[in-house]
Amino acid sequence: MLGKKPKKPMTPKQKKIAKAYGDPNKITRGDIITLAKKKKGEVVEAKKGRKITKKKSKKSGAKPKNAALYARVKAEAKRKFKVYPSAYANAWLVRTYKKRGGTYA
């Protein structure tokens, strides 16, 4: 019996999850994680094709009012910086957009 560890007894939480998933011998750590994420409200692909569809609403950031100007400045940023998007490139983008009269909603 070298190399094999004896199975630990299930905790009450695991028993509850096993009851929800059917056969307690087929419970995996992934099932526990899936149910934990379900409580947080994330979208998760569960085992056996089950899908949990509850999702938190995502906060949206400020959007530029002048889309054409923003697109021109963004194209300049892509040409100017080797790595885009990056913190430096995005800071330059916002600063230049505002200098040229752009505003955010």
Protein backbone atom coordinates (compact mmCIF):
# COMPACT_ATOMS: atom_id res chain seq x y z
CA MET A 1 0.00 0.00 0.00
CA LEU A 2 2.90 2.32 -0.62
CA GLY A 3 2.09 5.59 -2.36
CA LYS A 4 -1.63 5.49 -1.64
CA LYS A 5 -3.05 7.55 1.16
CA PRO A 6 -6.20 6.43 2.94
CA LYS A 7 -9.25 8.56 2.17
CA LYS A 8 -10.18 11.11 4.80
CA PRO A 9 -13.73 11.05 6.12
CA MET A 10 -16.01 13.64 4.52
CA THR A 11 -16.75 16.88 6.31
CA PRO A 12 -20.37 17.99 6.79
CA LYS A 13 -19.89 20.49 3.94
CA GLN A 14 -18.64 17.75 1.63
CA LYS A 15 -21.55 15.51 2.61
CA LYS A 16 -23.99 18.29 1.71
CA ILE A 17 -22.32 18.76 -1.66
CA ALA A 18 -22.20 15.02 -2.27
CA LYS A 19 -25.92 14.86 -1.59
CA ALA A 20 -26.50 17.62 -4.16
CA TYR A 21 -24.33 15.87 -6.78
CA GLY A 22 -25.61 12.36 -6.20
CA ASP A 23 -22.99 9.68 -5.58
CA PRO A 24 -20.77 10.72 -2.64
CA ASN A 25 -17.85 8.69 -4.03
CA LYS A 26 -17.71 10.84 -7.18
CA ILE A 27 -17.40 14.19 -5.41
CA THR A 28 -14.32 16.17 -6.43
CA ARG A 29 -12.58 19.29 -5.26
CA GLY A 30 -13.86 20.98 -8.42
CA ASP A 31 -17.44 20.41 -7.30
CA ILE A 32 -16.70 22.14 -4.00
CA ILE A 33 -15.09 25.08 -5.80
CA THR A 34 -18.02 25.30 -8.22
CA LEU A 35 -20.53 25.58 -5.41
CA ALA A 36 -18.36 28.14 -3.59
CA LYS A 37 -18.26 30.28 -6.74
CA LYS A 38 -22.00 29.85 -7.14
CA LYS A 39 -22.47 31.48 -3.74
CA LYS A 40 -20.34 34.46 -4.85
CA GLY A 41 -22.49 34.92 -7.96
CA GLU A 42 -19.90 34.11 -10.63
CA VAL A 43 -20.70 32.30 -13.86
CA VAL A 44 -19.15 28.85 -13.69
CA GLU A 45 -19.07 25.86 -16.01
CA ALA A 46 -19.95 23.00 -13.70
CA LYS A 47 -19.25 19.32 -14.20
CA LYS A 48 -21.52 17.15 -16.30
CA GLY A 49 -22.66 20.07 -18.49
CA ARG A 50 -24.44 21.92 -15.69
CA LYS A 51 -24.27 25.68 -16.00
CA ILE A 52 -24.75 28.16 -13.19
CA THR A 53 -26.07 31.34 -14.79
CA LYS A 54 -26.19 33.77 -11.89
CA LYS A 55 -23.88 36.71 -12.59
CA LYS A 56 -22.90 39.88 -10.77
CA SER A 57 -23.38 43.10 -12.68
CA LYS A 58 -20.07 44.58 -13.74
CA LYS A 59 -19.37 48.25 -13.12
CA SER A 60 -18.58 50.05 -16.33
CA GLY A 61 -15.90 52.71 -16.44
CA ALA A 62 -16.15 56.20 -17.85
CA LYS A 63 -16.81 56.24 -21.59
CA PRO A 64 -15.42 58.92 -23.92
CA LYS A 65 -18.04 61.33 -25.29
CA ASN A 66 -16.16 62.11 -28.52
CA ALA A 67 -15.60 58.66 -30.00
CA ALA A 68 -13.84 59.88 -33.17
CA LEU A 69 -11.25 61.89 -31.24
CA TYR A 70 -10.71 59.01 -28.82
CA ALA A 71 -10.15 56.61 -31.73
CA ARG A 72 -7.55 58.94 -33.31
CA VAL A 73 -5.65 59.34 -30.02
CA LYS A 74 -5.82 55.60 -29.37
CA ALA A 75 -4.36 54.88 -32.82
CA GLU A 76 -1.52 57.31 -32.04
CA ALA A 77 -0.90 55.53 -28.72
CA LYS A 78 -0.67 52.18 -30.51
CA ARG A 79 1.93 53.61 -32.90
CA LYS A 80 3.86 55.43 -30.16
CA PHE A 81 4.20 52.59 -27.61
CA LYS A 82 5.64 49.13 -28.28
CA VAL A 83 3.34 47.56 -25.68
CA TYR A 84 -0.30 48.54 -25.92
CA PRO A 85 -2.31 48.33 -23.71
CA SER A 86 -0.02 49.24 -20.85
CA ALA A 87 -0.28 51.57 -17.88
CA TYR A 88 1.99 54.13 -19.55
CA ALA A 89 0.14 54.00 -22.86
CA ASN A 90 -3.28 54.31 -21.23
CA ALA A 91 -2.13 57.23 -19.06
CA TRP A 92 -0.79 58.98 -22.17
CA LEU A 93 -4.03 58.23 -24.02
CA VAL A 94 -6.23 59.79 -21.32
CA ARG A 95 -3.96 62.81 -20.86
CA THR A 96 -3.77 63.52 -24.61
CA TYR A 97 -7.50 62.95 -25.13
CA LYS A 98 -8.29 65.47 -22.38
CA LYS A 99 -5.73 68.00 -23.75
CA ARG A 100 -7.46 67.89 -27.11
CA GLY A 101 -10.83 68.69 -25.55
CA GLY A 102 -12.24 65.23 -24.97
CA THR A 103 -14.47 64.51 -21.99
CA TYR A 104 -15.79 61.38 -20.32
CA ALA A 105 -19.40 60.53 -19.48
